């Protein structure tokens, strides 16, 4: 972020030549975006990206020729919402825009600096922070106001448009948002295909946040929201003795977490 002599803030995306370090011809591009909605920072039916309110805290993601940027707030100072903004890797043209809380507030993406995960089929997985989550749902179980705060998210691209194609949210998500115990402090990890009983292949993703629980979701059916239970592949309550601020790691059928104030712990995958 920079500030010009007139006091205006700017966020820019740069492209560099790795051989020389020089900027590419199309670089930099100023980050600009708007999205239909009436949430924080909206005007006349559109939420406006205000560069003074955000920082690009998570890692960038290059996927299928698009560089995706993900935006966090400045220490939860409102107004802010949950932006995903993508640019063509060649030419830096604006390609994709999504707001995860367009009719609410908060729900930014920070992940303690970890980058979102790309899975097979061009899907994108991550956890977002405290924020508005809908109270009414459509026939698929998706919030009708399109607010997905404090959730385990899967994004997909179809017809040139990026959208939430599946999600999981905890049964006590609103209480966690009020208590600042969001999932968004951690990163999502896409696991390799795992062969379980009856030789079935399981396609899973895993993540943890401030509450110390480990959540394992089926990438083909992440679980959505149920107010009385968490309908996911597996939940390990309080498996971590502190909040998770970072990305877990996978190696040789073991998953490693490093919670705050705790040694690194390994969890072995026994069967799926």
Protein backbone atom coordinates (compact mmCIF):
# COMPACT_ATOMS: atom_id res chain seq x y z
CA UNK A 1 0.00 0.00 0.00
CA UNK A 2 1.16 3.53 -0.72
CA UNK A 3 -0.17 7.02 -0.09
CA UNK A 4 0.13 9.81 -2.64
CA UNK A 5 0.75 13.51 -1.87
CA UNK A 6 -2.99 14.17 -1.99
CA UNK A 7 -3.58 11.66 0.82
CA UNK A 8 -5.12 8.93 -1.36
CA UNK A 9 -4.22 5.30 -0.68
CA UNK A 10 -3.31 2.80 -3.40
CA UNK A 11 -2.90 -0.96 -3.56
CA UNK A 12 -0.97 -2.25 -6.59
CA UNK A 13 -0.04 -5.60 -8.11
CA UNK A 14 3.43 -5.81 -9.68
CA UNK A 15 4.85 -8.24 -12.23
CA UNK A 16 8.64 -8.65 -12.43
CA UNK A 17 10.95 -10.35 -14.90
CA UNK A 18 12.75 -13.06 -12.91
CA UNK A 19 15.82 -12.87 -15.15
CA UNK A 20 16.41 -9.12 -14.77
CA UNK A 21 14.24 -7.96 -11.87
CA UNK A 22 12.71 -5.33 -14.13
CA UNK A 23 9.00 -4.62 -14.15
CA UNK A 24 6.98 -6.17 -16.97
CA UNK A 25 5.36 -3.83 -19.45
CA UNK A 26 1.87 -4.05 -17.92
CA UNK A 27 3.08 -3.57 -14.34
CA UNK A 28 1.91 -2.28 -11.93
CA UNK A 29 -1.88 -2.39 -11.95
CA UNK A 30 -3.93 -0.53 -9.35
CA UNK A 31 -6.33 -2.77 -7.44
CA UNK A 32 -9.92 -1.67 -8.03
CA UNK A 33 -13.11 -3.63 -7.51
CA UNK A 34 -16.82 -3.40 -6.82
CA UNK A 35 -19.38 -6.10 -6.12
CA UNK A 36 -23.19 -6.14 -5.84
CA UNK A 37 -24.27 -5.78 -2.22
CA UNK A 38 -25.36 -3.54 0.61
CA UNK A 39 -22.71 -4.45 3.19
CA UNK A 40 -19.85 -2.51 4.76
CA UNK A 41 -18.44 0.12 2.41
CA UNK A 42 -21.34 -0.08 -0.05
CA UNK A 43 -22.76 2.72 -2.14
CA UNK A 44 -25.89 2.55 -4.29
CA UNK A 45 -26.11 -1.24 -4.22
CA UNK A 46 -22.42 -2.06 -4.68
CA UNK A 47 -19.65 -2.73 -2.18
CA UNK A 48 -16.54 -0.75 -3.11
CA UNK A 49 -12.98 -1.89 -2.49
CA UNK A 50 -11.35 0.84 -0.39
CA UNK A 51 -7.55 0.39 -0.53
CA UNK A 52 -7.05 2.20 2.79
CA UNK A 53 -9.02 -0.50 4.63
CA UNK A 54 -7.14 -3.59 3.43
CA UNK A 55 -3.81 -5.34 3.16
CA UNK A 56 -2.90 -8.31 0.98
CA UNK A 57 -1.85 -10.54 3.86
CA UNK A 58 -2.25 -14.09 2.48
CA UNK A 59 0.04 -15.45 -0.20
CA UNK A 60 -0.85 -14.94 -3.85
CA UNK A 61 -2.22 -17.86 -5.84
CA UNK A 62 -1.46 -18.47 -9.53
CA UNK A 63 -4.05 -20.83 -10.98
CA UNK A 64 -4.89 -21.43 -14.63
CA UNK A 65 -3.40 -18.17 -15.80
CA UNK A 66 -4.97 -15.98 -13.11
CA UNK A 67 -3.17 -14.38 -10.15
CA UNK A 68 -5.56 -14.29 -7.19
CA UNK A 69 -5.22 -11.73 -4.41
CA UNK A 70 -6.94 -12.18 -1.04
CA UNK A 71 -7.54 -9.28 1.32
CA UNK A 72 -7.51 -8.90 5.09
CA UNK A 73 -8.51 -5.96 7.24
CA UNK A 74 -6.28 -3.66 9.22
CA UNK A 75 -6.73 -5.18 12.70
CA UNK A 76 -10.51 -5.59 12.29
CA UNK A 77 -11.13 -1.87 11.75
CA UNK A 78 -14.42 -1.53 9.90
CA UNK A 79 -15.72 -1.03 7.29
CA UNK A 80 -14.40 -4.12 5.53
CA UNK A 81 -15.61 -7.31 3.86
CA UNK A 82 -14.03 -10.44 2.33
CA UNK A 83 -12.48 -9.75 -1.09
CA UNK A 84 -10.99 -12.14 -3.66
CA UNK A 85 -9.69 -10.28 -6.73
CA UNK A 86 -8.01 -12.01 -9.67
CA UNK A 87 -5.88 -10.62 -12.53
CA UNK A 88 -4.67 -12.25 -15.73
CA UNK A 89 -1.05 -13.32 -15.25
CA UNK A 90 -0.21 -11.99 -18.72
CA UNK A 91 -1.25 -8.36 -19.02
CA UNK A 92 -2.68 -7.98 -15.49
CA UNK A 93 -6.22 -7.42 -16.74
CA UNK A 94 -8.98 -7.70 -14.16
CA UNK A 95 -10.49 -11.19 -14.46
CA UNK A 96 -12.38 -12.24 -11.33
CA UNK A 97 -14.02 -10.48 -8.35
CA UNK A 98 -15.84 -12.00 -5.38
CA UNK A 99 -16.95 -10.60 -2.04
CA UNK A 100 -17.61 -13.24 0.64
CA UNK A 101 -19.74 -10.93 2.82
CA UNK A 102 -21.34 -8.53 0.31
CA UNK A 103 -24.42 -7.87 2.41
CA UNK A 104 -22.73 -7.94 5.81
CA UNK A 105 -19.37 -7.10 7.29
CA UNK A 106 -15.98 -8.56 8.21
CA UNK A 107 -15.19 -12.04 6.82
CA UNK A 108 -11.77 -11.01 5.53
CA UNK A 109 -9.07 -13.50 4.53
CA UNK A 110 -5.75 -13.47 6.38
CA UNK A 111 -4.60 -17.02 7.28
CA UNK A 112 -1.60 -15.60 9.18
CA UNK A 113 0.09 -15.10 5.81
CA UNK A 114 -0.52 -18.60 4.42
CA UNK A 115 -1.61 -18.87 0.82
CA UNK A 116 -4.91 -20.44 -0.26
CA UNK A 117 -4.76 -24.01 -1.56
CA UNK A 118 -5.51 -25.05 -5.14
CA UNK A 119 -7.06 -28.46 -5.68
CA UNK A 120 -7.86 -30.66 -8.67
CA UNK A 121 -10.48 -29.24 -10.99
CA UNK A 122 -9.32 -25.67 -10.41
CA UNK A 123 -10.99 -25.32 -7.01
CA UNK A 124 -9.61 -22.94 -4.36
CA UNK A 125 -9.76 -23.71 -0.62
CA UNK A 126 -9.20 -21.42 2.37
CA UNK A 127 -10.60 -20.35 5.75
CA UNK A 128 -11.97 -16.84 6.26
CA UNK A 129 -12.21 -14.76 9.41
CA UNK A 130 -14.87 -13.47 11.81
CA UNK A 131 -17.82 -12.15 9.90
CA UNK A 132 -21.45 -12.14 8.89
CA UNK A 133 -23.00 -15.51 8.18
CA UNK A 134 -26.51 -15.81 6.77
CA UNK A 135 -29.52 -16.84 8.86
CA UNK A 136 -31.73 -17.96 5.96
CA UNK A 137 -30.73 -20.58 3.43
CA UNK A 138 -31.69 -21.74 -0.05
CA UNK A 139 -32.53 -25.31 -1.07
CA UNK A 140 -28.81 -26.19 -1.28
CA UNK A 141 -28.15 -24.91 2.25
CA UNK A 142 -26.34 -21.78 1.05
CA UNK A 143 -26.98 -18.39 2.75
CA UNK A 144 -29.42 -16.47 0.57
CA UNK A 145 -27.63 -13.20 1.38
CA UNK A 146 -24.32 -14.73 0.19
CA UNK A 147 -22.51 -13.93 3.45
CA UNK A 148 -19.95 -16.64 4.30
CA UNK A 149 -18.05 -15.26 7.31
CA UNK A 150 -15.91 -17.58 9.49
CA UNK A 151 -16.12 -20.57 7.15
CA UNK A 152 -14.14 -23.27 5.35
CA UNK A 153 -14.60 -22.20 1.71
CA UNK A 154 -14.32 -23.82 -1.72
CA UNK A 155 -14.32 -21.53 -4.74
CA UNK A 156 -14.92 -22.58 -8.34
CA UNK A 157 -14.84 -20.78 -11.67
CA UNK A 158 -17.52 -21.34 -14.29
CA UNK A 159 -18.46 -19.15 -17.22
CA UNK A 160 -15.65 -16.78 -16.29
CA UNK A 161 -17.26 -16.11 -12.89
CA UNK A 162 -15.84 -17.08 -9.51
CA UNK A 163 -18.27 -18.27 -6.84
CA UNK A 164 -18.57 -20.21 -3.59
CA UNK A 165 -19.33 -23.75 -4.77
CA UNK A 166 -19.25 -25.44 -1.35
CA UNK A 167 -18.50 -24.61 2.26
CA UNK A 168 -18.52 -25.74 5.87
CA UNK A 169 -19.39 -23.61 8.87
CA UNK A 170 -19.40 -24.65 12.52
CA UNK A 171 -22.63 -25.08 14.45
CA UNK A 172 -21.47 -22.33 16.83
CA UNK A 173 -19.98 -20.05 14.18
CA UNK A 174 -21.71 -16.86 15.32
CA UNK A 175 -20.53 -17.30 18.92
CA UNK A 176 -16.99 -17.85 17.63
CA UNK A 177 -17.14 -14.68 15.54
CA UNK A 178 -18.35 -12.67 18.53
CA UNK A 179 -15.51 -14.09 20.65
CA UNK A 180 -12.85 -13.51 17.95
CA UNK A 181 -12.20 -17.26 17.69
CA UNK A 182 -12.33 -17.44 13.92
CA UNK A 183 -11.15 -20.21 11.66
CA UNK A 184 -9.41 -17.59 9.55
CA UNK A 185 -6.17 -17.57 11.57
CA UNK A 186 -5.20 -20.86 9.91
CA UNK A 187 -4.69 -22.14 6.39
CA UNK A 188 -6.48 -24.92 4.51
CA UNK A 189 -4.51 -27.96 3.35
CA UNK A 190 -5.65 -30.12 0.43
CA UNK A 191 -4.62 -33.72 1.10
CA UNK A 192 -3.58 -36.15 -1.64
CA UNK A 193 -6.09 -38.87 -2.55
CA UNK A 194 -6.24 -41.39 0.32
CA UNK A 195 -7.25 -45.01 -0.13
CA UNK A 196 -9.40 -46.28 2.71
CA UNK A 197 -11.48 -49.29 3.52
CA UNK A 198 -12.95 -51.14 0.53
CA UNK A 199 -10.27 -49.33 -1.51
CA UNK A 200 -12.39 -46.20 -1.73
CA UNK A 201 -10.52 -43.03 -2.62
CA UNK A 202 -11.15 -40.16 -0.20
CA UNK A 203 -10.60 -36.55 -1.24
CA UNK A 204 -10.17 -34.50 1.91
CA UNK A 205 -9.05 -31.08 3.10
CA UNK A 206 -8.07 -30.07 6.62
CA UNK A 207 -7.77 -26.87 8.63
CA UNK A 208 -7.74 -25.38 12.12
CA UNK A 209 -8.07 -21.92 13.63
CA UNK A 210 -8.20 -20.15 16.95
CA UNK A 211 -10.51 -22.62 18.71
CA UNK A 212 -7.91 -25.42 18.61
CA UNK A 213 -10.26 -27.86 16.86
CA UNK A 214 -9.10 -29.69 13.74
CA UNK A 215 -11.70 -29.91 10.99
CA UNK A 216 -11.47 -32.52 8.20
CA UNK A 217 -13.88 -32.07 5.30
CA UNK A 218 -14.81 -34.14 2.27
CA UNK A 219 -13.90 -31.92 -0.68
CA UNK A 220 -16.84 -33.29 -2.68
CA UNK A 221 -19.36 -32.54 0.10
CA UNK A 222 -17.92 -30.14 2.66
CA UNK A 223 -20.85 -30.23 5.05
CA UNK A 224 -22.51 -26.82 4.85
CA UNK A 225 -24.11 -25.55 8.05
CA UNK A 226 -26.26 -27.36 10.62
CA UNK A 227 -27.16 -25.49 13.83
CA UNK A 228 -27.09 -28.63 15.99
CA UNK A 229 -24.06 -30.52 14.67
CA UNK A 230 -21.04 -30.38 12.38
CA UNK A 231 -21.73 -32.68 9.43
CA UNK A 232 -18.14 -33.21 8.23
CA UNK A 233 -15.74 -36.10 7.68
CA UNK A 234 -14.09 -35.73 11.09
CA UNK A 235 -13.73 -33.20 13.87
CA UNK A 236 -10.99 -33.40 16.51
CA UNK A 237 -12.21 -31.15 19.36
CA UNK A 238 -9.42 -29.37 21.24
CA UNK A 239 -6.80 -31.52 19.50
CA UNK A 240 -4.51 -28.49 19.60
CA UNK A 241 -3.76 -26.94 22.98
CA UNK A 242 -3.60 -23.47 21.53
CA UNK A 243 -4.79 -21.46 18.53
CA UNK A 244 -3.40 -22.28 15.09
CA UNK A 245 -1.79 -19.37 13.24
CA UNK A 246 -0.51 -20.87 10.03
CA UNK A 247 -0.68 -23.68 7.52
CA UNK A 248 -0.47 -27.38 8.46
CA UNK A 249 1.91 -29.63 6.53
CA UNK A 250 1.52 -33.15 5.15
CA UNK A 251 4.25 -35.78 4.76
CA UNK A 252 4.15 -39.56 4.54
CA UNK A 253 0.60 -39.99 5.91
CA UNK A 254 1.14 -37.56 8.78
CA UNK A 255 -0.21 -34.04 9.23
CA UNK A 256 1.76 -31.51 11.26
CA UNK A 257 0.34 -28.57 13.21
CA UNK A 258 2.23 -25.95 15.19
CA UNK A 259 -0.22 -24.25 17.56
CA UNK A 260 0.77 -21.12 19.46
CA UNK A 261 2.91 -21.92 22.51
CA UNK A 262 3.01 -25.62 21.69
CA UNK A 263 5.53 -27.97 20.08
CA UNK A 264 4.82 -29.19 16.57
CA UNK A 265 2.41 -32.13 16.73
CA UNK A 266 1.99 -34.92 14.19
CA UNK A 267 -1.35 -36.64 13.54
CA UNK A 268 -1.12 -39.90 11.64
CA UNK A 269 -3.82 -40.83 9.16
CA UNK A 270 -4.98 -44.28 10.27
CA UNK A 271 -7.66 -44.99 7.69
CA UNK A 272 -10.31 -43.25 5.69
